[in-house]
C-alpha atoms as a PDB file:
ATOM      1  CA  MET A   1     -20.853   2.095 -21.736  1.00  0.00           C
ATOM      2  CA  ILE A   2     -18.372   2.748 -18.925  1.00  0.00           C
ATOM      3  CA  GLU A   3     -20.606   5.629 -17.969  1.00  0.00           C
ATOM      4  CA  THR A   4     -23.932   3.565 -18.410  1.00  0.00           C
ATOM      5  CA  ILE A   5     -22.135   0.706 -15.901  1.00  0.00           C
ATOM      6  CA  ASN A   6     -21.114   3.406 -13.115  1.00  0.00           C
ATOM      7  CA  LYS A   7     -24.563   5.006 -13.480  1.00  0.00           C
ATOM      8  CA  MET A   8     -26.417   1.278 -13.183  1.00  0.00           C
ATOM      9  CA  THR A   9     -24.150   0.826 -10.257  1.00  0.00           C
ATOM     10  CA  ARG A  10     -25.147   4.088  -8.551  1.00  0.00           C
ATOM     11  CA  VAL A  11     -29.074   3.792  -9.310  1.00  0.00           C
ATOM     12  CA  SER A  12     -28.438  -0.206  -7.755  1.00  0.00           C
ATOM     13  CA  ARG A  13     -27.262   0.925  -4.679  1.00  0.00           C
ATOM     14  CA  ARG A  14     -29.837   3.848  -4.107  1.00  0.00           C
ATOM     15  CA  LEU A  15     -32.455   1.337  -4.427  1.00  0.00           C
ATOM     16  CA  VAL A  16     -30.734  -1.383  -1.730  1.00  0.00           C
ATOM     17  CA  GLN A  17     -30.785   1.503   0.238  1.00  0.00           C
ATOM     18  CA  GLU A  18     -34.312   2.362   0.141  1.00  0.00           C
ATOM     19  CA  LEU A  19     -36.130  -1.152  -0.850  1.00  0.00           C
ATOM     20  CA  GLY A  20     -33.673  -2.685   1.295  1.00  0.00           C
ATOM     21  CA  ARG A  21     -33.233  -5.173  -0.749  1.00  0.00           C
ATOM     22  CA  GLU A  22     -31.474  -5.993  -4.190  1.00  0.00           C
ATOM     23  CA  PRO A  23     -33.612  -4.393  -6.902  1.00  0.00           C
ATOM     24  CA  THR A  24     -34.738  -5.888 -10.136  1.00  0.00           C
ATOM     25  CA  PRO A  25     -33.691  -4.922 -13.421  1.00  0.00           C
ATOM     26  CA  GLU A  26     -37.167  -3.278 -14.349  1.00  0.00           C
ATOM     27  CA  GLU A  27     -36.779  -1.165 -11.086  1.00  0.00           C
ATOM     28  CA  ILE A  28     -33.318   0.070 -12.226  1.00  0.00           C
ATOM     29  CA  ALA A  29     -34.481   0.133 -15.819  1.00  0.00           C
ATOM     30  CA  GLU A  30     -37.854   2.346 -14.392  1.00  0.00           C
ATOM     31  CA  ARG A  31     -35.062   4.725 -12.275  1.00  0.00           C
ATOM     32  CA  MET A  32     -32.887   5.217 -15.518  1.00  0.00           C
ATOM     33  CA  ASP A  33     -35.068   5.506 -18.009  1.00  0.00           C
ATOM     34  CA  LEU A  34     -33.981   2.516 -19.958  1.00  0.00           C
ATOM     35  CA  PRO A  35     -35.646  -0.526 -21.213  1.00  0.00           C
ATOM     36  CA  PRO A  36     -35.264  -3.749 -18.766  1.00  0.00           C
ATOM     37  CA  GLU A  37     -33.713  -5.567 -21.671  1.00  0.00           C
ATOM     38  CA  LYS A  38     -30.850  -2.778 -21.751  1.00  0.00           C
ATOM     39  CA  VAL A  39     -30.283  -2.854 -18.211  1.00  0.00           C
ATOM     40  CA  ARG A  40     -29.724  -6.736 -18.293  1.00  0.00           C
ATOM     41  CA  ALA A  41     -27.776  -6.429 -21.263  1.00  0.00           C
ATOM     42  CA  VAL A  42     -25.518  -3.541 -19.417  1.00  0.00           C
ATOM     43  CA  PHE A  43     -25.716  -5.842 -16.527  1.00  0.00           C
ATOM     44  CA  LYS A  44     -24.011  -8.843 -18.132  1.00  0.00           C
ATOM     45  CA  ILE A  45     -21.234  -7.043 -19.711  1.00  0.00           C
ATOM     46  CA  SER A  46     -20.159  -5.611 -16.931  1.00  0.00           C
ATOM     47  CA  GLN A  47     -19.658  -9.163 -15.331  1.00  0.00           C
ATOM     48  CA  GLN A  48     -17.779 -10.316 -18.126  1.00  0.00           C
ATOM     49  CA  PRO A  49     -13.913 -10.151 -17.917  1.00  0.00           C
ATOM     50  CA  VAL A  50     -12.078  -7.665 -20.267  1.00  0.00           C
ATOM     51  CA  ALA A  51      -8.926  -9.093 -21.797  1.00  0.00           C
ATOM     52  CA  LEU A  52      -6.015  -6.801 -21.174  1.00  0.00           C
ATOM     53  CA  GLU A  53      -4.933  -6.752 -25.070  1.00  0.00           C
ATOM     54  CA  THR A  54      -8.700  -5.477 -25.966  1.00  0.00           C
ATOM     55  CA  PRO A  55      -8.012  -2.627 -28.088  1.00  0.00           C
ATOM     56  CA  ILE A  56      -9.180   0.776 -26.541  1.00  0.00           C
ATOM     57  CA  GLY A  57      -9.559   4.002 -28.745  1.00  0.00           C
ATOM     58  CA  ASP A  58     -10.134   4.837 -32.143  1.00  0.00           C
ATOM     59  CA  GLU A  59      -6.979   3.475 -34.324  1.00  0.00           C
ATOM     60  CA  GLY A  60      -6.947   0.231 -31.585  1.00  0.00           C
ATOM     61  CA  ASP A  61      -2.650   1.632 -31.395  1.00  0.00           C
ATOM     62  CA  THR A  62      -3.868   0.938 -27.407  1.00  0.00           C
ATOM     63  CA  SER A  63      -4.672  -1.939 -25.323  1.00  0.00           C
ATOM     64  CA  PHE A  64      -6.564  -2.087 -21.951  1.00  0.00           C
ATOM     65  CA  GLY A  65      -3.017  -3.500 -20.266  1.00  0.00           C
ATOM     66  CA  ASP A  66      -1.410  -0.275 -21.404  1.00  0.00           C
ATOM     67  CA  PHE A  67      -3.746   1.931 -18.476  1.00  0.00           C
ATOM     68  CA  ILE A  68      -3.362  -0.391 -15.669  1.00  0.00           C
ATOM     69  CA  PRO A  69      -0.450   0.580 -13.578  1.00  0.00           C
ATOM     70  CA  ASP A  70       2.141  -2.145 -12.366  1.00  0.00           C
ATOM     71  CA  THR A  71       2.419  -1.494  -8.913  1.00  0.00           C
ATOM     72  CA  LYS A  72       4.821  -3.849  -8.182  1.00  0.00           C
ATOM     73  CA  VAL A  73       7.392  -2.125 -10.214  1.00  0.00           C
ATOM     74  CA  VAL A  74       9.549   0.477  -8.495  1.00  0.00           C
ATOM     75  CA  SER A  75      10.535   3.827 -10.123  1.00  0.00           C
ATOM     76  CA  PRO A  76      14.269   4.390 -10.808  1.00  0.00           C
ATOM     77  CA  SER A  77      13.993   7.686  -8.342  1.00  0.00           C
ATOM     78  CA  THR A  78      11.998   5.853  -5.980  1.00  0.00           C
ATOM     79  CA  ALA A  79      14.594   3.280  -5.834  1.00  0.00           C
ATOM     80  CA  THR A  80      17.476   5.569  -6.214  1.00  0.00           C
ATOM     81  CA  THR A  81      16.047   7.201  -2.886  1.00  0.00           C
ATOM     82  CA  ASP A  82      15.596   4.066  -1.133  1.00  0.00           C
ATOM     83  CA  ASN A  83      19.225   3.028  -1.683  1.00  0.00           C
ATOM     84  CA  ILE A  84      20.653   6.734  -0.355  1.00  0.00           C
ATOM     85  CA  MET A  85      18.508   6.495   2.652  1.00  0.00           C
ATOM     86  CA  GLN A  86      19.321   3.109   3.426  1.00  0.00           C
ATOM     87  CA  SER A  87      23.014   3.920   2.988  1.00  0.00           C
ATOM     88  CA  GLN A  88      22.820   6.747   5.256  1.00  0.00           C
ATOM     89  CA  LEU A  89      20.950   4.984   7.612  1.00  0.00           C
ATOM     90  CA  GLU A  90      23.577   2.240   7.946  1.00  0.00           C
ATOM     91  CA  ASP A  91      26.274   5.242   8.240  1.00  0.00           C
ATOM     92  CA  ILE A  92      24.229   6.490  11.078  1.00  0.00           C
ATOM     93  CA  LEU A  93      24.126   3.338  13.052  1.00  0.00           C
ATOM     94  CA  SER A  94      27.474   2.790  12.502  1.00  0.00           C
ATOM     95  CA  THR A  95      28.053   5.454  14.687  1.00  0.00           C
ATOM     96  CA  LEU A  96      26.250   3.652  17.638  1.00  0.00           C
ATOM     97  CA  THR A  97      28.265   0.784  19.606  1.00  0.00           C
ATOM     98  CA  GLU A  98      28.099  -2.305  18.083  1.00  0.00           C
ATOM     99  CA  ARG A  99      25.551  -3.727  20.719  1.00  0.00           C
ATOM    100  CA  GLU A 100      23.329  -0.862  20.528  1.00  0.00           C
ATOM    101  CA  GLU A 101      23.581  -1.197  16.692  1.00  0.00           C
ATOM    102  CA  THR A 102      22.530  -4.822  16.997  1.00  0.00           C
ATOM    103  CA  VAL A 103      19.561  -4.001  19.263  1.00  0.00           C
ATOM    104  CA  ILE A 104      18.193  -1.588  17.319  1.00  0.00           C
ATOM    105  CA  ARG A 105      18.215  -3.837  14.437  1.00  0.00           C
ATOM    106  CA  LEU A 106      16.741  -6.457  15.820  1.00  0.00           C
ATOM    107  CA  ARG A 107      13.966  -4.440  17.855  1.00  0.00           C
ATOM    108  CA  PHE A 108      12.927  -2.459  14.585  1.00  0.00           C
ATOM    109  CA  GLY A 109      13.662  -5.262  11.858  1.00  0.00           C
ATOM    110  CA  ILE A 110      16.137  -3.687  10.385  1.00  0.00           C
ATOM    111  CA  GLY A 111      17.451  -5.807   7.363  1.00  0.00           C
ATOM    112  CA  ASP A 112      15.208  -8.533   7.825  1.00  0.00           C
ATOM    113  CA  GLY A 113      12.086  -6.834   8.272  1.00  0.00           C
ATOM    114  CA  TYR A 114      11.115  -9.248  11.482  1.00  0.00           C
ATOM    115  CA  PRO A 115      10.991  -6.911  14.646  1.00  0.00           C
ATOM    116  CA  ARG A 116      11.979  -9.151  18.027  1.00  0.00           C
ATOM    117  CA  THR A 117      10.483  -8.662  21.310  1.00  0.00           C
ATOM    118  CA  LEU A 118      12.161  -6.997  24.005  1.00  0.00           C
ATOM    119  CA  GLU A 119      12.313 -11.168  25.447  1.00  0.00           C
ATOM    120  CA  GLU A 120      13.710 -12.197  22.267  1.00  0.00           C
ATOM    121  CA  VAL A 121      16.866  -9.727  21.985  1.00  0.00           C
ATOM    122  CA  GLY A 122      17.380 -10.254  25.675  1.00  0.00           C
ATOM    123  CA  ASN A 123      17.576 -13.988  25.209  1.00  0.00           C
ATOM    124  CA  LYS A 124      20.242 -13.159  22.072  1.00  0.00           C
ATOM    125  CA  PHE A 125      22.442 -11.045  24.717  1.00  0.00           C
ATOM    126  CA  GLY A 126      21.758 -13.023  27.865  1.00  0.00           C
ATOM    127  CA  VAL A 127      20.393  -9.893  29.426  1.00  0.00           C
ATOM    128  CA  THR A 128      16.955  -8.950  30.945  1.00  0.00           C
ATOM    129  CA  ARG A 129      14.010  -6.937  28.974  1.00  0.00           C
ATOM    130  CA  GLU A 130      14.582  -4.632  31.132  1.00  0.00           C
ATOM    131  CA  ARG A 131      18.294  -4.070  29.931  1.00  0.00           C
ATOM    132  CA  VAL A 132      17.548  -4.396  26.687  1.00  0.00           C
ATOM    133  CA  ARG A 133      14.849  -1.752  26.883  1.00  0.00           C
ATOM    134  CA  GLN A 134      17.686   0.465  28.501  1.00  0.00           C
ATOM    135  CA  ILE A 135      20.075   0.060  25.814  1.00  0.00           C
ATOM    136  CA  GLU A 136      17.489   0.586  23.054  1.00  0.00           C
ATOM    137  CA  THR A 137      16.603   4.019  24.802  1.00  0.00           C
ATOM    138  CA  LYS A 138      19.937   5.032  25.365  1.00  0.00           C
ATOM    139  CA  ALA A 139      20.482   3.986  21.360  1.00  0.00           C
ATOM    140  CA  LEU A 140      17.314   6.386  20.330  1.00  0.00           C
ATOM    141  CA  ARG A 141      18.613   9.038  22.385  1.00  0.00           C
ATOM    142  CA  LYS A 142      22.006   9.362  20.284  1.00  0.00           C
ATOM    143  CA  LEU A 143      20.097   8.547  16.858  1.00  0.00           C
ATOM    144  CA  ARG A 144      17.546  11.471  17.873  1.00  0.00           C
ATOM    145  CA  HIS A 145      20.347  13.676  18.348  1.00  0.00           C
ATOM    146  CA  PRO A 146      20.531  16.635  15.591  1.00  0.00           C
ATOM    147  CA  THR A 147      24.031  15.603  14.068  1.00  0.00           C
ATOM    148  CA  ARG A 148      22.841  12.243  12.962  1.00  0.00           C
ATOM    149  CA  SER A 149      18.995  12.832  13.054  1.00  0.00           C
ATOM    150  CA  LYS A 150      19.332  15.635  10.292  1.00  0.00           C
ATOM    151  CA  LYS A 151      20.580  13.292   7.534  1.00  0.00           C
ATOM    152  CA  LEU A 152      17.126  11.190   7.776  1.00  0.00           C
ATOM    153  CA  ARG A 153      14.723  13.897   8.472  1.00  0.00           C
ATOM    154  CA  GLU A 154      13.794  14.688   4.830  1.00  0.00           C
ATOM    155  CA  TYR A 155      12.785  11.022   3.884  1.00  0.00           C
ATOM    156  CA  LEU A 156       9.680  11.841   6.406  1.00  0.00           C
ATOM    157  CA  ASP A 157       6.712  12.695   4.481  1.00  0.00           C
END
């Protein structure tokens, strides 16, 4: 059935391109060598919602929901890698001066996910945007040094 729905969708798209409008069930049926009633029935079925508990397979021991990945769940290996990377990032940032570390954290949103502008960081420290940029540049130069950067390079894809 899914193959028929997919084929009907492809034929329908092709006909839209050819005709410049949505095709009728009769036009789709003619192109697919099916009776128009079958096309209407398939179209109706494809529009109906399917419950996640709908049994799939001959034995009915699996449900439709078993095949839908849960994108919100983080795998244990990913969580472990993230924790190790976070720990290494904290170690590397702690090698900077307190001011440099704070500027980097604020500018890149490390910790709270909200990156600040040069002006916002400058207001916090009571310095100009240019001074914040200079502090950031100096800190980034330090972070790029091989002794620090090699710890995080393995996380780059």
